[in-house]
Every structure is written in C-alpha cells, then in structure tokens.
Protein backbone atom coordinates (compact mmCIF):
# COMPACT_ATOMS: atom_id res chain seq x y z
CA MET A 1 86.17 66.09 90.28
CA SER A 2 88.06 69.30 91.50
CA LYS A 3 85.38 71.21 93.58
CA LYS A 4 86.80 73.02 96.86
CA LEU A 5 83.10 73.85 97.86
CA LEU A 6 80.21 71.57 98.09
CA THR A 7 76.99 72.34 98.83
CA LYS A 8 75.04 70.57 101.51
CA PRO A 9 73.54 67.80 99.72
CA GLU A 10 76.90 67.17 97.88
CA PHE A 11 79.12 66.94 101.38
CA ALA A 12 76.39 64.54 102.85
CA LYS A 13 77.07 62.47 99.76
CA LEU A 14 80.56 62.43 100.10
CA ALA A 15 80.09 61.74 103.97
CA GLY A 16 78.04 59.19 103.63
CA VAL A 17 75.06 60.91 105.53
CA GLY A 18 71.82 62.68 105.19
CA ILE A 19 71.39 66.34 104.59
CA ASP A 20 69.81 66.66 108.12
CA TYR A 21 72.69 64.97 109.83
CA ILE A 22 75.06 67.93 108.07
CA ALA A 23 72.74 70.65 109.29
CA THR A 24 72.76 69.32 112.91
CA TYR A 25 76.70 69.40 112.58
CA ILE A 26 76.59 73.02 111.32
CA LYS A 27 74.60 73.83 114.40
CA ARG A 28 76.65 71.97 116.63
CA GLY A 29 79.51 73.97 114.85
CA LYS A 30 80.98 70.43 114.15
CA LEU A 31 81.32 71.80 110.58
CA ILE A 32 81.54 75.64 109.23
CA GLU A 33 79.75 76.57 106.10
CA ASN A 34 80.72 79.61 104.28
CA LYS A 35 78.42 82.92 104.02
CA ASP A 36 76.77 81.52 100.78
CA GLY A 37 76.17 78.02 102.45
CA LYS A 38 78.43 76.00 100.96
CA LEU A 39 81.39 73.97 102.86
CA ASP A 40 84.91 74.07 102.34
CA LEU A 41 86.94 71.32 102.07
CA SER A 42 90.18 73.46 103.22
CA ASN A 43 88.51 74.00 106.25
CA GLN A 44 90.38 71.91 109.06
CA LEU A 45 86.84 70.80 110.59
CA ASN A 46 85.13 69.92 107.56
CA GLU A 47 87.99 68.43 106.40
CA LEU A 48 88.40 66.21 109.45
CA PHE A 49 84.95 65.30 109.45
CA LEU A 50 85.07 64.31 105.89
CA GLN A 51 88.17 61.67 106.29
CA ARG A 52 86.28 60.43 109.75
CA ARG A 53 83.36 59.64 107.93
CA ILE A 54 86.15 58.01 104.96
CA GLU A 55 87.52 56.14 107.75
CA GLN A 56 84.30 54.66 109.00
CA GLY A 57 83.10 53.60 104.96
CA ASN A 58 80.27 56.18 104.96
CA ASN A 59 80.90 57.12 101.55
CA LYS A 60 77.82 56.41 99.58
CA GLY A 61 78.31 56.90 95.86
CA TYR A 62 81.98 57.79 96.14
CA SER A 63 85.02 55.38 95.62
CA LEU A 64 87.60 56.03 98.16
CA THR A 65 90.26 56.67 95.78
CA GLU A 66 87.83 59.77 94.76
CA LEU A 67 87.71 61.00 98.14
CA GLU A 68 90.94 60.73 99.16
CA LYS A 69 91.97 62.49 95.24
CA LEU A 70 89.47 65.39 96.76
CA LEU A 71 90.95 65.81 100.29
CA LYS A 72 94.13 65.89 98.51
CA GLU A 73 93.42 68.67 96.17
CA SER A 74 91.83 70.61 99.35
CA GLU A 75 94.87 70.03 101.21
CA LEU A 76 96.95 71.36 98.03
CA GLU A 77 95.24 74.79 97.61
CA LYS A 78 94.87 75.19 101.57
CA ARG A 79 99.34 74.54 101.64
CA ASN A 80 98.79 77.07 98.71
CA LYS A 81 97.26 79.58 100.17
CA GLU A 82 99.40 79.22 102.80
CA ILE A 83 102.53 79.57 101.18
CA GLU A 84 100.91 82.82 99.75
CA LEU A 85 100.16 84.08 102.83
CA LEU A 86 103.73 83.20 104.15
CA THR A 87 104.85 85.14 100.76
CA LEU A 88 103.08 88.41 101.74
CA LYS A 89 104.25 88.32 105.50
CA THR A 90 107.85 87.99 104.42
CA ASP A 91 107.99 90.53 101.88
CA LYS A 92 106.47 92.88 103.87
CA LEU A 93 109.04 92.19 106.92
CA ASN A 94 111.91 92.62 103.94
CA GLY A 95 110.29 95.80 103.79
CA GLN A 96 108.51 95.28 100.47
CA LEU A 97 104.94 95.49 101.23
CA LEU A 98 103.44 98.59 103.12
CA PRO A 99 99.89 99.26 104.22
CA VAL A 100 98.72 102.10 102.09
CA ASP A 101 96.69 103.62 104.88
CA LEU A 102 100.09 103.90 106.58
CA PHE A 103 101.73 105.55 103.49
CA GLU A 104 99.18 108.14 102.87
CA SER A 105 99.73 108.96 107.01
CA VAL A 106 103.23 109.47 106.72
CA MET A 107 103.02 111.55 103.13
CA ALA A 108 100.13 113.72 104.78
CA VAL A 109 102.17 114.05 107.83
CA ASN A 110 105.03 115.09 105.40
CA CYS A 111 103.05 117.27 103.31
CA LYS A 112 101.64 119.31 106.42
CA ASN A 113 105.49 119.54 108.15
CA PHE A 114 106.76 121.26 104.44
CA VAL A 115 103.52 123.57 105.03
CA LEU A 116 104.30 124.53 108.10
CA SER A 117 107.86 125.35 107.37
CA PHE A 118 106.83 126.85 104.16
CA GLU A 119 104.39 129.13 105.74
CA SER A 120 107.11 130.00 108.80
CA ALA A 121 109.56 130.84 106.26
CA THR A 122 107.53 132.98 104.16
CA ASP A 123 106.29 134.86 107.43
CA LYS A 124 109.96 135.59 108.30
CA LEU A 125 110.33 136.78 104.40
CA LEU A 126 106.87 138.75 104.66
CA ILE A 127 108.22 140.78 107.81
CA VAL A 128 111.98 141.96 105.79
CA LEU A 129 110.01 142.63 103.17
CA SER A 130 107.44 144.67 105.10
CA SER A 131 110.08 146.43 106.73
CA LYS A 132 111.97 147.31 103.89
CA LEU A 133 109.12 148.68 101.33
CA LYS A 134 107.62 150.02 104.52
CA MET A 135 104.62 148.46 104.06
CA SER A 136 101.44 149.33 106.03
CA ASN A 137 99.92 147.06 108.91
CA GLU A 138 96.99 146.64 106.65
CA ASP A 139 98.74 145.75 103.32
CA LYS A 140 100.99 143.40 105.51
CA ALA A 141 97.64 141.53 106.51
CA GLU A 142 96.74 141.41 103.18
CA PHE A 143 99.71 139.95 101.76
CA ARG A 144 100.08 137.38 104.54
CA GLN A 145 96.30 136.69 104.23
CA THR A 146 96.86 136.01 100.28
CA LEU A 147 99.77 133.92 100.90
CA VAL A 148 97.80 131.51 103.67
CA GLU A 149 94.76 130.62 100.94
CA THR A 150 98.08 129.93 98.15
CA ILE A 151 99.77 127.98 100.84
CA ASN A 152 96.21 126.10 101.95
CA LYS A 153 95.69 125.70 98.43
CA ALA A 154 98.92 124.29 97.36
CA GLN A 155 98.83 122.06 99.93
CA LEU A 156 95.12 120.33 99.18
CA ASP A 157 96.33 119.71 95.49
CA ALA A 158 99.70 117.95 96.70
CA ILE A 159 97.83 115.52 98.87
CA SER A 160 94.99 115.03 96.19
CA ALA A 161 97.58 114.55 93.70
CA SER A 162 99.98 112.14 96.37
CA LYS A 163 96.44 110.05 97.04
CA LYS A 164 96.06 109.58 92.93
CA GLU A 165 99.44 108.78 93.10
CA VAL A 166 99.11 106.17 95.71
CA LYS A 167 96.09 104.74 94.14
CA ASN A 168 97.83 104.26 90.94
CA LEU A 169 100.77 102.46 92.68
CA VAL A 170 98.62 99.99 94.16
CA ASP A 171 96.78 99.35 91.31
CA GLU A 172 100.08 98.61 89.43
CA PHE A 173 101.39 96.28 92.10
CA LYS A 174 98.42 94.49 92.13
CA GLU A 175 98.80 93.42 88.18
CA GLN A 176 102.27 92.50 88.86
C-alpha cells in the first residue's frame, strides 16, 4: 500500500472512525484536506491524528504493521521533499539558481542603459557630421528621427530575443 493521498473513507478506515468523524475534524481544522478533497499523509496534522488513532488501537481493517509502513512511507516522502527544498535553497545561495523575473529585469535595464548610451553617442556623432557636412536643421532632424526609430526597433528586437533565450535556458534547466 503506497498511497500518500487518501479519500475521506480510506482515511476514516485507517483511523478506525466514521467519515462523519473525519468531516468534523476537517471543519475544526484538526485534519487538512487538499483541493481535491483528499487527505495527505505527509501533512503533519494528518499524520499526528493518524498516529494517535493507531496508538488508541482504533484501526479497523488494517494491521499495525500496515499502518506503520504507510506512515513510514509518508515520512520518507516528506523527508525527500524537505531535502529537495534544501537543495534548491543551497543552489540559490551558491548562485546556481537565479529567479527568472529578476534575470529578465536585469537584462531589460542593461538593454535600456545600452540604448541610452548608444543614443547619446549617435547624437554626438550627428552633431559632428552635420557640422562637417553643413546639414540643414531639417535634414538633421530627419536624420535624428531615423536614428531614434532604428535604435528603438533594435532595442525591442533585442528584448524579444533575450526573453526567448531566457525561456529556452529555463526549459533546458528544467530537463536536467
């Protein structure tokens, strides 16, 4: 028996009580059911409730060894989840994990700063060129408008490409 999620009737049978008894304890917050209406044996409240019922000897239909095995399996699963969580926390602290939202924000700011610096440099270049070529103010404005539009399009393209690359990296990381 390797179930970790039990229906109310299954849990009631394990605990040696009726379904109404289980429903009452759920309403009181003494037992916790998941969104599917099942009771998770790895939940501490549920596990403690079941252990107390076993100690009282009210376990209809199950031998003590079956109940102990079920509880041990649930404890093992719980410990494995805790280990997995600790591993993720350790990886994060060691810099091996980076939240995607944070990374995307940093990339967007980096891209924006690059664009602003590039716009400033091209504006300076435009001033020098317009002076040497003796461009009219109208030509200078038209040239500046074209530069700004081109730079803005390049920025949007770069952000879009970066988001796709981040998504690909996340997908690859999930598969490992």
